[in-house]
Amino acid sequence: VVNVASIAGHMTPKALQPARTFRLALTDFDAFAERLDRRV
């Protein structure tokens, strides 16, 4: 599988990325979708 990301994905420092929200994608899809929407 090859996913197309973007240089924009490298523009936000890791410390400012919502890591806890990202991790939900591995365990709770619905919670991930809801929290990501709130975040953005």
PDB file of all heavy atoms in Angstrom:
ATOM      1  N   VAL A   1       0.865  -1.182   0.000  1.00  0.00           N
ATOM      2  CA  VAL A   1       0.000   0.000   0.000  1.00  0.00           C
ATOM      3  C   VAL A   1       0.898   1.227   0.000  1.00  0.00           C
ATOM      4  O   VAL A   1       1.845   1.308   0.784  1.00  0.00           O
ATOM      5  CB  VAL A   1      -0.923   0.040   1.235  1.00  0.00           C
ATOM      6  CG1 VAL A   1      -1.665   1.375   1.309  1.00  0.00           C
ATOM      7  CG2 VAL A   1      -1.915  -1.114   1.208  1.00  0.00           C
ATOM      8  N   VAL A   2       0.591   2.172  -0.875  1.00  0.00           N
ATOM      9  CA  VAL A   2       1.323   3.433  -0.939  1.00  0.00           C
ATOM     10  C   VAL A   2       0.317   4.564  -0.759  1.00  0.00           C
ATOM     11  O   VAL A   2      -0.566   4.755  -1.596  1.00  0.00           O
ATOM     12  CB  VAL A   2       2.062   3.596  -2.281  1.00  0.00           C
ATOM     13  CG1 VAL A   2       2.887   4.887  -2.271  1.00  0.00           C
ATOM     14  CG2 VAL A   2       2.954   2.394  -2.557  1.00  0.00           C
ATOM     15  N   ASN A   3       0.432   5.280   0.347  1.00  0.00           N
ATOM     16  CA  ASN A   3      -0.468   6.391   0.636  1.00  0.00           C
ATOM     17  C   ASN A   3       0.167   7.711   0.235  1.00  0.00           C
ATOM     18  O   ASN A   3       1.325   7.967   0.565  1.00  0.00           O
ATOM     19  CB  ASN A   3      -0.792   6.442   2.134  1.00  0.00           C
ATOM     20  CG  ASN A   3      -1.642   5.283   2.589  1.00  0.00           C
ATOM     21  OD1 ASN A   3      -2.594   4.901   1.914  1.00  0.00           O
ATOM     22  ND2 ASN A   3      -1.306   4.706   3.738  1.00  0.00           N
ATOM     23  N   VAL A   4      -0.601   8.555  -0.436  1.00  0.00           N
ATOM     24  CA  VAL A   4      -0.102   9.879  -0.787  1.00  0.00           C
ATOM     25  C   VAL A   4      -0.398  10.838   0.355  1.00  0.00           C
ATOM     26  O   VAL A   4      -1.561  11.086   0.685  1.00  0.00           O
ATOM     27  CB  VAL A   4      -0.720  10.390  -2.099  1.00  0.00           C
ATOM     28  CG1 VAL A   4      -0.260  11.819  -2.375  1.00  0.00           C
ATOM     29  CG2 VAL A   4      -0.321   9.482  -3.260  1.00  0.00           C
ATOM     30  N   ALA A   5       0.658  11.352   0.974  1.00  0.00           N
ATOM     31  CA  ALA A   5       0.538  12.340   2.046  1.00  0.00           C
ATOM     32  C   ALA A   5       0.818  13.713   1.431  1.00  0.00           C
ATOM     33  O   ALA A   5       0.275  14.045   0.385  1.00  0.00           O
ATOM     34  CB  ALA A   5       1.482  12.014   3.190  1.00  0.00           C
ATOM     35  N   SER A   6       1.656  14.509   2.046  1.00  0.00           N
ATOM     36  CA  SER A   6       1.977  15.840   1.522  1.00  0.00           C
ATOM     37  C   SER A   6       3.102  16.442   2.348  1.00  0.00           C
ATOM     38  O   SER A   6       3.265  16.121   3.530  1.00  0.00           O
ATOM     39  CB  SER A   6       0.760  16.766   1.600  1.00  0.00           C
ATOM     40  OG  SER A   6       1.103  18.109   1.330  1.00  0.00           O
ATOM     41  N   ILE A   7       3.839  17.352   1.738  1.00  0.00           N
ATOM     42  CA  ILE A   7       4.819  18.121   2.507  1.00  0.00           C
ATOM     43  C   ILE A   7       4.126  18.856   3.653  1.00  0.00           C
ATOM     44  O   ILE A   7       4.727  19.103   4.703  1.00  0.00           O
ATOM     45  CB  ILE A   7       5.588  19.104   1.611  1.00  0.00           C
ATOM     46  CG1 ILE A   7       6.726  19.757   2.413  1.00  0.00           C
ATOM     47  CG2 ILE A   7       4.662  20.140   0.994  1.00  0.00           C
ATOM     48  CD1 ILE A   7       7.624  20.655   1.592  1.00  0.00           C
ATOM     49  N   ALA A   8       2.836  19.181   3.481  1.00  0.00           N
ATOM     50  CA  ALA A   8       2.089  19.855   4.552  1.00  0.00           C
ATOM     51  C   ALA A   8       2.072  19.026   5.824  1.00  0.00           C
ATOM     52  O   ALA A   8       1.996  19.569   6.929  1.00  0.00           O
ATOM     53  CB  ALA A   8       0.663  20.151   4.098  1.00  0.00           C
ATOM     54  N   GLY A   9       2.158  17.707   5.672  1.00  0.00           N
ATOM     55  CA  GLY A   9       2.184  16.831   6.837  1.00  0.00           C
ATOM     56  C   GLY A   9       3.461  16.942   7.634  1.00  0.00           C
ATOM     57  O   GLY A   9       3.529  16.484   8.779  1.00  0.00           O
ATOM     58  N   HIS A  10       4.482  17.571   7.043  1.00  0.00           N
ATOM     59  CA  HIS A  10       5.762  17.777   7.723  1.00  0.00           C
ATOM     60  C   HIS A  10       5.886  19.182   8.301  1.00  0.00           C
ATOM     61  O   HIS A  10       6.896  19.496   8.929  1.00  0.00           O
ATOM     62  CB  HIS A  10       6.915  17.556   6.741  1.00  0.00           C
ATOM     63  CG  HIS A  10       7.075  16.143   6.290  1.00  0.00           C
ATOM     64  ND1 HIS A  10       7.934  15.250   6.906  1.00  0.00           N
ATOM     65  CD2 HIS A  10       6.479  15.456   5.280  1.00  0.00           C
ATOM     66  CE1 HIS A  10       7.865  14.087   6.282  1.00  0.00           C
ATOM     67  NE2 HIS A  10       6.990  14.188   5.295  1.00  0.00           N
ATOM     68  N   MET A  11       4.880  20.003   8.075  1.00  0.00           N
ATOM     69  CA  MET A  11       4.982  21.415   8.467  1.00  0.00           C
ATOM     70  C   MET A  11       4.607  21.658   9.917  1.00  0.00           C
ATOM     71  O   MET A  11       5.001  22.670  10.502  1.00  0.00           O
ATOM     72  CB  MET A  11       4.074  22.263   7.573  1.00  0.00           C
ATOM     73  CG  MET A  11       4.385  22.145   6.091  1.00  0.00           C
ATOM     74  SD  MET A  11       5.876  23.012   5.598  1.00  0.00           S
ATOM     75  CE  MET A  11       5.214  24.643   5.334  1.00  0.00           C
ATOM     76  N   THR A  12       3.828  20.754  10.508  1.00  0.00           N
ATOM     77  CA  THR A  12       3.431  20.913  11.899  1.00  0.00           C
ATOM     78  C   THR A  12       4.403  20.157  12.799  1.00  0.00           C
ATOM     79  O   THR A  12       4.582  18.945  12.624  1.00  0.00           O
ATOM     80  CB  THR A  12       2.006  20.384  12.136  1.00  0.00           C
ATOM     81  OG1 THR A  12       1.104  21.038  11.246  1.00  0.00           O
ATOM     82  CG2 THR A  12       1.560  20.617  13.568  1.00  0.00           C
ATOM     83  N   PRO A  13       5.049  20.823  13.742  1.00  0.00           N
ATOM     84  CA  PRO A  13       5.958  20.112  14.657  1.00  0.00           C
ATOM     85  C   PRO A  13       5.237  18.947  15.352  1.00  0.00           C
ATOM     86  O   PRO A  13       4.053  19.049  15.678  1.00  0.00           O
ATOM     87  CB  PRO A  13       6.354  21.201  15.656  1.00  0.00           C
ATOM     88  CG  PRO A  13       6.152  22.488  14.933  1.00  0.00           C
ATOM     89  CD  PRO A  13       4.973  22.266  14.035  1.00  0.00           C
ATOM     90  N   LYS A  14       5.966  17.867  15.585  1.00  0.00           N
ATOM     91  CA  LYS A  14       5.354  16.687  16.191  1.00  0.00           C
ATOM     92  C   LYS A  14       4.711  17.004  17.534  1.00  0.00           C
ATOM     93  O   LYS A  14       3.687  16.424  17.904  1.00  0.00           O
ATOM     94  CB  LYS A  14       6.396  15.577  16.356  1.00  0.00           C
ATOM     95  CG  LYS A  14       6.785  14.910  15.044  1.00  0.00           C
ATOM     96  CD  LYS A  14       7.717  13.732  15.277  1.00  0.00           C
ATOM     97  CE  LYS A  14       8.072  13.050  13.966  1.00  0.00           C
ATOM     98  NZ  LYS A  14       8.978  11.891  14.167  1.00  0.00           N
ATOM     99  N   ALA A  15       5.306  17.931  18.269  1.00  0.00           N
ATOM    100  CA  ALA A  15       4.775  18.279  19.587  1.00  0.00           C
ATOM    101  C   ALA A  15       3.383  18.888  19.496  1.00  0.00           C
ATOM    102  O   ALA A  15       2.614  18.856  20.472  1.00  0.00           O
ATOM    103  CB  ALA A  15       5.713  19.244  20.294  1.00  0.00           C
ATOM    104  N   LEU A  16       3.038  19.440  18.331  1.00  0.00           N
ATOM    105  CA  LEU A  16       1.737  20.071  18.150  1.00  0.00           C
ATOM    106  C   LEU A  16       0.730  19.168  17.441  1.00  0.00           C
ATOM    107  O   LEU A  16      -0.422  19.551  17.260  1.00  0.00           O
ATOM    108  CB  LEU A  16       1.894  21.385  17.366  1.00  0.00           C
ATOM    109  CG  LEU A  16       2.758  22.458  18.035  1.00  0.00           C
ATOM    110  CD1 LEU A  16       2.821  23.698  17.146  1.00  0.00           C
ATOM    111  CD2 LEU A  16       2.220  22.816  19.415  1.00  0.00           C
ATOM    112  N   GLN A  17       1.173  17.986  17.036  1.00  0.00           N
ATOM    113  CA  GLN A  17       0.255  17.053  16.389  1.00  0.00           C
ATOM    114  C   GLN A  17      -0.593  16.336  17.446  1.00  0.00           C
ATOM    115  O   GLN A  17      -0.093  16.012  18.525  1.00  0.00           O
ATOM    116  CB  GLN A  17       1.037  16.038  15.561  1.00  0.00           C
ATOM    117  CG  GLN A  17       1.748  16.645  14.371  1.00  0.00           C
ATOM    118  CD  GLN A  17       2.603  15.640  13.626  1.00  0.00           C
ATOM    119  OE1 GLN A  17       2.555  14.439  13.884  1.00  0.00           O
ATOM    120  NE2 GLN A  17       3.398  16.122  12.685  1.00  0.00           N
ATOM    121  N   PRO A  18      -1.865  16.084  17.153  1.00  0.00           N
ATOM    122  CA  PRO A  18      -2.757  15.448  18.130  1.00  0.00           C
ATOM    123  C   PRO A  18      -2.524  13.933  18.215  1.00  0.00           C
ATOM    124  O   PRO A  18      -3.315  13.131  17.723  1.00  0.00           O
ATOM    125  CB  PRO A  18      -4.147  15.779  17.593  1.00  0.00           C
ATOM    126  CG  PRO A  18      -3.956  15.883  16.114  1.00  0.00           C
ATOM    127  CD  PRO A  18      -2.580  16.475  15.918  1.00  0.00           C
ATOM    128  N   ALA A  19      -1.441  13.551  18.842  1.00  0.00           N
ATOM    129  CA  ALA A  19      -1.038  12.140  18.874  1.00  0.00           C
ATOM    130  C   ALA A  19      -2.102  11.248  19.508  1.00  0.00           C
ATOM    131  O   ALA A  19      -2.349  10.127  19.047  1.00  0.00           O
ATOM    132  CB  ALA A  19       0.283  11.998  19.622  1.00  0.00           C
ATOM    133  N   ARG A  20      -2.736  11.725  20.584  1.00  0.00           N
ATOM    134  CA  ARG A  20      -3.758  10.907  21.233  1.00  0.00           C
ATOM    135  C   ARG A  20      -4.938  10.662  20.304  1.00  0.00           C
ATOM    136  O   ARG A  20      -5.499   9.564  20.283  1.00  0.00           O
ATOM    137  CB  ARG A  20      -4.231  11.587  22.518  1.00  0.00           C
ATOM    138  CG  ARG A  20      -3.178  11.635  23.618  1.00  0.00           C
ATOM    139  CD  ARG A  20      -3.729  12.295  24.877  1.00  0.00           C
ATOM    140  NE  ARG A  20      -2.736  12.337  25.932  1.00  0.00           N
ATOM    141  CZ  ARG A  20      -2.941  12.891  27.124  1.00  0.00           C
ATOM    142  NH1 ARG A  20      -4.123  13.464  27.401  1.00  0.00           N
ATOM    143  NH2 ARG A  20      -1.986  12.898  28.029  1.00  0.00           N
ATOM    144  N   THR A  21      -5.303  11.686  19.550  1.00  0.00           N
ATOM    145  CA  THR A  21      -6.382  11.510  18.574  1.00  0.00           C
ATOM    146  C   THR A  21      -5.963  10.530  17.493  1.00  0.00           C
ATOM    147  O   THR A  21      -6.730   9.640  17.118  1.00  0.00           O
ATOM    148  CB  THR A  21      -6.757  12.869  17.948  1.00  0.00           C
ATOM    149  OG1 THR A  21      -7.248  13.735  18.971  1.00  0.00           O
ATOM    150  CG2 THR A  21      -7.833  12.695  16.885  1.00  0.00           C
ATOM    151  N   PHE A  22      -4.758  10.675  16.971  1.00  0.00           N
ATOM    152  CA  PHE A  22      -4.264   9.760  15.944  1.00  0.00           C
ATOM    153  C   PHE A  22      -4.317   8.309  16.426  1.00  0.00           C
ATOM    154  O   PHE A  22      -4.745   7.408  15.682  1.00  0.00           O
ATOM    155  CB  PHE A  22      -2.823  10.117  15.561  1.00  0.00           C
ATOM    156  CG  PHE A  22      -2.673  11.362  14.729  1.00  0.00           C
ATOM    157  CD1 PHE A  22      -1.414  11.807  14.351  1.00  0.00           C
ATOM    158  CD2 PHE A  22      -3.773  12.111  14.327  1.00  0.00           C
ATOM    159  CE1 PHE A  22      -1.248  12.948  13.586  1.00  0.00           C
ATOM    160  CE2 PHE A  22      -3.626  13.263  13.570  1.00  0.00           C
ATOM    161  CZ  PHE A  22      -2.357  13.682  13.200  1.00  0.00           C
ATOM    162  N   ARG A  23      -3.898   8.064  17.657  1.00  0.00           N
ATOM    163  CA  ARG A  23      -3.833   6.687  18.155  1.00  0.00           C
ATOM    164  C   ARG A  23      -5.199   6.021  18.222  1.00  0.00           C
ATOM    165  O   ARG A  23      -5.304   4.790  18.146  1.00  0.00           O
ATOM    166  CB  ARG A  23      -3.149   6.653  19.522  1.00  0.00           C
ATOM    167  CG  ARG A  23      -1.636   6.837  19.462  1.00  0.00           C
ATOM    168  CD  ARG A  23      -0.959   6.443  20.771  1.00  0.00           C
ATOM    169  NE  ARG A  23      -1.288   7.360  21.849  1.00  0.00           N
ATOM    170  CZ  ARG A  23      -0.576   8.450  22.150  1.00  0.00           C
ATOM    171  NH1 ARG A  23       0.497   8.753  21.436  1.00  0.00           N
ATOM    172  NH2 ARG A  23      -0.922   9.219  23.165  1.00  0.00           N
ATOM    173  N   LEU A  24      -6.243   6.815  18.349  1.00  0.00           N
ATOM    174  CA  LEU A  24      -7.594   6.246  18.395  1.00  0.00           C
ATOM    175  C   LEU A  24      -7.960   5.537  17.094  1.00  0.00           C
ATOM    176  O   LEU A  24      -8.818   4.654  17.078  1.00  0.00           O
ATOM    177  CB  LEU A  24      -8.625   7.344  18.680  1.00  0.00           C
ATOM    178  CG  LEU A  24      -8.703   7.839  20.123  1.00  0.00           C
ATOM    179  CD1 LEU A  24      -9.628   9.050  20.206  1.00  0.00           C
ATOM    180  CD2 LEU A  24      -9.208   6.725  21.043  1.00  0.00           C
ATOM    181  N   ALA A  25      -7.311   5.905  16.003  1.00  0.00           N
ATOM    182  CA  ALA A  25      -7.593   5.254  14.718  1.00  0.00           C
ATOM    183  C   ALA A  25      -7.282   3.763  14.757  1.00  0.00           C
ATOM    184  O   ALA A  25      -7.837   2.986  13.974  1.00  0.00           O
ATOM    185  CB  ALA A  25      -6.781   5.921  13.606  1.00  0.00           C
ATOM    186  N   LEU A  26      -6.415   3.370  15.679  1.00  0.00           N
ATOM    187  CA  LEU A  26      -6.027   1.962  15.792  1.00  0.00           C
ATOM    188  C   LEU A  26      -6.956   1.156  16.695  1.00  0.00           C
ATOM    189  O   LEU A  26      -6.962  -0.067  16.644  1.00  0.00           O
ATOM    190  CB  LEU A  26      -4.599   1.858  16.338  1.00  0.00           C
ATOM    191  CG  LEU A  26      -3.511   2.624  15.579  1.00  0.00           C
ATOM    192  CD1 LEU A  26      -2.181   2.499  16.298  1.00  0.00           C
ATOM    193  CD2 LEU A  26      -3.403   2.137  14.145  1.00  0.00           C
ATOM    194  N   THR A  27      -7.757   1.859  17.503  1.00  0.00           N
ATOM    195  CA  THR A  27      -8.551   1.151  18.516  1.00  0.00           C
ATOM    196  C   THR A  27     -10.025   1.502  18.519  1.00  0.00           C
ATOM    197  O   THR A  27     -10.858   0.669  18.898  1.00  0.00           O
ATOM    198  CB  THR A  27      -8.001   1.446  19.925  1.00  0.00           C
ATOM    199  OG1 THR A  27      -8.038   2.866  20.159  1.00  0.00           O
ATOM    200  CG2 THR A  27      -6.559   0.950  20.061  1.00  0.00           C
ATOM    201  N   ASP A  28     -10.380   2.718  18.131  1.00  0.00           N
ATOM    202  CA  ASP A  28     -11.779   3.162  18.235  1.00  0.00           C
ATOM    203  C   ASP A  28     -12.059   4.132  17.092  1.00  0.00           C
ATOM    204  O   ASP A  28     -11.914   5.338  17.232  1.00  0.00           O
ATOM    205  CB  ASP A  28     -12.015   3.835  19.580  1.00  0.00           C
ATOM    206  CG  ASP A  28     -13.487   4.101  19.863  1.00  0.00           C
ATOM    207  OD1 ASP A  28     -14.269   4.226  18.892  1.00  0.00           O
ATOM    208  OD2 ASP A  28     -13.864   4.193  21.047  1.00  0.00           O
ATOM    209  N   PHE A  29     -12.483   3.590  15.964  1.00  0.00           N
ATOM    210  CA  PHE A  29     -12.665   4.376  14.745  1.00  0.00           C
ATOM    211  C   PHE A  29     -13.658   5.519  14.942  1.00  0.00           C
ATOM    212  O   PHE A  29     -13.408   6.659  14.523  1.00  0.00           O
ATOM    213  CB  PHE A  29     -13.131   3.471  13.605  1.00  0.00           C
ATOM    214  CG  PHE A  29     -13.377   4.185  12.311  1.00  0.00           C
ATOM    215  CD1 PHE A  29     -12.338   4.474  11.445  1.00  0.00           C
ATOM    216  CD2 PHE A  29     -14.662   4.575  11.947  1.00  0.00           C
ATOM    217  CE1 PHE A  29     -12.565   5.142  10.253  1.00  0.00           C
ATOM    218  CE2 PHE A  29     -14.894   5.242  10.757  1.00  0.00           C
ATOM    219  CZ  PHE A  29     -13.839   5.520   9.907  1.00  0.00           C
ATOM    220  N   ASP A  30     -14.784   5.242  15.569  1.00  0.00           N
ATOM    221  CA  ASP A  30     -15.805   6.278  15.749  1.00  0.00           C
ATOM    222  C   ASP A  30     -15.298   7.422  16.625  1.00  0.00           C
ATOM    223  O   ASP A  30     -15.536   8.594  16.333  1.00  0.00           O
ATOM    224  CB  ASP A  30     -17.074   5.676  16.354  1.00  0.00           C
ATOM    225  CG  ASP A  30     -17.799   4.756  15.383  1.00  0.00           C
ATOM    226  OD1 ASP A  30     -17.591   4.906  14.158  1.00  0.00           O
ATOM    227  OD2 ASP A  30     -18.567   3.884  15.839  1.00  0.00           O
ATOM    228  N   ALA A  31     -14.595   7.067  17.708  1.00  0.00           N
ATOM    229  CA  ALA A  31     -14.038   8.104  18.580  1.00  0.00           C
ATOM    230  C   ALA A  31     -12.979   8.916  17.849  1.00  0.00           C
ATOM    231  O   ALA A  31     -12.882  10.138  18.026  1.00  0.00           O
ATOM    232  CB  ALA A  31     -13.449   7.468  19.836  1.00  0.00           C
ATOM    233  N   PHE A  32     -12.179   8.243  17.022  1.00  0.00           N
ATOM    234  CA  PHE A  32     -11.172   8.933  16.225  1.00  0.00           C
ATOM    235  C   PHE A  32     -11.827   9.950  15.300  1.00  0.00           C
ATOM    236  O   PHE A  32     -11.413  11.119  15.249  1.00  0.00           O
ATOM    237  CB  PHE A  32     -10.366   7.923  15.403  1.00  0.00           C
ATOM    238  CG  PHE A  32      -9.550   8.540  14.307  1.00  0.00           C
ATOM    239  CD1 PHE A  32      -8.478   9.363  14.602  1.00  0.00           C
ATOM    240  CD2 PHE A  32      -9.857   8.297  12.979  1.00  0.00           C
ATOM    241  CE1 PHE A  32      -7.718   9.943  13.582  1.00  0.00           C
ATOM    242  CE2 PHE A  32      -9.111   8.872  11.961  1.00  0.00           C
ATOM    243  CZ  PHE A  32      -8.039   9.691  12.263  1.00  0.00           C
ATOM    244  N   ALA A  33     -12.858   9.531  14.578  1.00  0.00           N
ATOM    245  CA  ALA A  33     -13.526  10.419  13.630  1.00  0.00           C
ATOM    246  C   ALA A  33     -14.128  11.631  14.345  1.00  0.00           C
ATOM    247  O   ALA A  33     -14.008  12.772  13.875  1.00  0.00           O
ATOM    248  CB  ALA A  33     -14.607   9.660  12.876  1.00  0.00           C
ATOM    249  N   GLU A  34     -14.761  11.391  15.483  1.00  0.00           N
ATOM    250  CA  GLU A  34     -15.399  12.473  16.226  1.00  0.00           C
ATOM    251  C   GLU A  34     -14.367  13.452  16.777  1.00  0.00           C
ATOM    252  O   GLU A  34     -14.524  14.675  16.663  1.00  0.00           O
ATOM    253  CB  GLU A  34     -16.230  11.897  17.371  1.00  0.00           C
ATOM    254  CG  GLU A  34     -16.931  12.945  18.215  1.00  0.00           C
ATOM    255  CD  GLU A  34     -17.703  12.344  19.369  1.00  0.00           C
ATOM    256  OE1 GLU A  34     -17.788  11.105  19.462  1.00  0.00           O
ATOM    257  OE2 GLU A  34     -18.219  13.131  20.191  1.00  0.00           O
ATOM    258  N   ARG A  35     -13.299  12.922  17.373  1.00  0.00           N
ATOM    259  CA  ARG A  35     -12.304  13.795  17.989  1.00  0.00           C
ATOM    260  C   ARG A  35     -11.506  14.554  16.930  1.00  0.00           C
ATOM    261  O   ARG A  35     -11.162  15.724  17.133  1.00  0.00           O
ATOM    262  CB  ARG A  35     -11.371  12.985  18.887  1.00  0.00           C
ATOM    263  CG  ARG A  35     -10.505  13.859  19.776  1.00  0.00           C
ATOM    264  CD  ARG A  35      -9.720  13.064  20.785  1.00  0.00           C
ATOM    265  NE  ARG A  35     -10.585  12.376  21.745  1.00  0.00           N
ATOM    266  CZ  ARG A  35     -10.125  11.638  22.751  1.00  0.00           C
ATOM    267  NH1 ARG A  35      -8.812  11.493  22.927  1.00  0.00           N
ATOM    268  NH2 ARG A  35     -10.965  11.049  23.575  1.00  0.00           N
ATOM    269  N   LEU A  36     -11.232  13.908  15.820  1.00  0.00           N
ATOM    270  CA  LEU A  36     -10.509  14.587  14.742  1.00  0.00           C
ATOM    271  C   LEU A  36     -11.336  15.755  14.205  1.00  0.00           C
ATOM    272  O   LEU A  36     -10.809  16.848  13.953  1.00  0.00           O
ATOM    273  CB  LEU A  36     -10.173  13.615  13.616  1.00  0.00           C
ATOM    274  CG  LEU A  36      -9.396  14.206  12.438  1.00  0.00           C
ATOM    275  CD1 LEU A  36      -7.995  14.637  12.872  1.00  0.00           C
ATOM    276  CD2 LEU A  36      -9.303  13.200  11.298  1.00  0.00           C
ATOM    277  N   ASP A  37     -12.624  15.535  14.030  1.00  0.00           N
ATOM    278  CA  ASP A  37     -13.488  16.597  13.535  1.00  0.00           C
ATOM    279  C   ASP A  37     -13.488  17.794  14.487  1.00  0.00           C
ATOM    280  O   ASP A  37     -13.419  18.946  14.058  1.00  0.00           O
ATOM    281  CB  ASP A  37     -14.913  16.073  13.342  1.00  0.00           C
ATOM    282  CG  ASP A  37     -15.801  17.101  12.661  1.00  0.00           C
ATOM    283  OD1 ASP A  37     -15.590  17.369  11.461  1.00  0.00           O
ATOM    284  OD2 ASP A  37     -16.694  17.651  13.338  1.00  0.00           O
ATOM    285  N   ARG A  38     -13.547  17.518  15.783  1.00  0.00           N
ATOM    286  CA  ARG A  38     -13.502  18.611  16.758  1.00  0.00           C
ATOM    287  C   ARG A  38     -12.170  19.341  16.670  1.00  0.00           C
ATOM    288  O   ARG A  38     -12.115  20.572  16.749  1.00  0.00           O
ATOM    289  CB  ARG A  38     -13.715  18.081  18.179  1.00  0.00           C
ATOM    290  CG  ARG A  38     -15.115  17.593  18.466  1.00  0.00           C
ATOM    291  CD  ARG A  38     -15.405  17.639  19.967  1.00  0.00           C
ATOM    292  NE  ARG A  38     -14.396  16.981  20.779  1.00  0.00           N
ATOM    293  CZ  ARG A  38     -14.451  15.712  21.176  1.00  0.00           C
ATOM    294  NH1 ARG A  38     -15.485  14.956  20.824  1.00  0.00           N
ATOM    295  NH2 ARG A  38     -13.493  15.192  21.926  1.00  0.00           N
ATOM    296  N   ARG A  39     -11.109  18.593  16.526  1.00  0.00           N
ATOM    297  CA  ARG A  39      -9.770  19.174  16.503  1.00  0.00           C
ATOM    298  C   ARG A  39      -9.595  20.145  15.338  1.00  0.00           C
ATOM    299  O   ARG A  39      -9.075  21.253  15.510  1.00  0.00           O
ATOM    300  CB  ARG A  39      -8.739  18.046  16.408  1.00  0.00           C
ATOM    301  CG  ARG A  39      -7.307  18.508  16.217  1.00  0.00           C
ATOM    302  CD  ARG A  39      -6.693  18.971  17.505  1.00  0.00           C
ATOM    303  NE  ARG A  39      -5.350  19.485  17.321  1.00  0.00           N
ATOM    304  CZ  ARG A  39      -4.445  19.539  18.282  1.00  0.00           C
ATOM    305  NH1 ARG A  39      -4.733  19.079  19.487  1.00  0.00           N
ATOM    306  NH2 ARG A  39      -3.247  20.040  18.060  1.00  0.00           N
ATOM    307  N   VAL A  40     -10.018  19.737  14.143  1.00  0.00           N
ATOM    308  CA  VAL A  40      -9.765  20.566  12.965  1.00  0.00           C
ATOM    309  C   VAL A  40     -10.713  21.754  12.879  1.00  0.00           C
ATOM    310  O   VAL A  40     -10.504  22.658  12.057  1.00  0.00           O
ATOM    311  CB  VAL A  40      -9.834  19.733  11.666  1.00  0.00           C
ATOM    312  CG1 VAL A  40      -8.794  18.629  11.683  1.00  0.00           C
ATOM    313  CG2 VAL A  40     -11.233  19.185  11.424  1.00  0.00           C
TER     314      VAL A  40
END
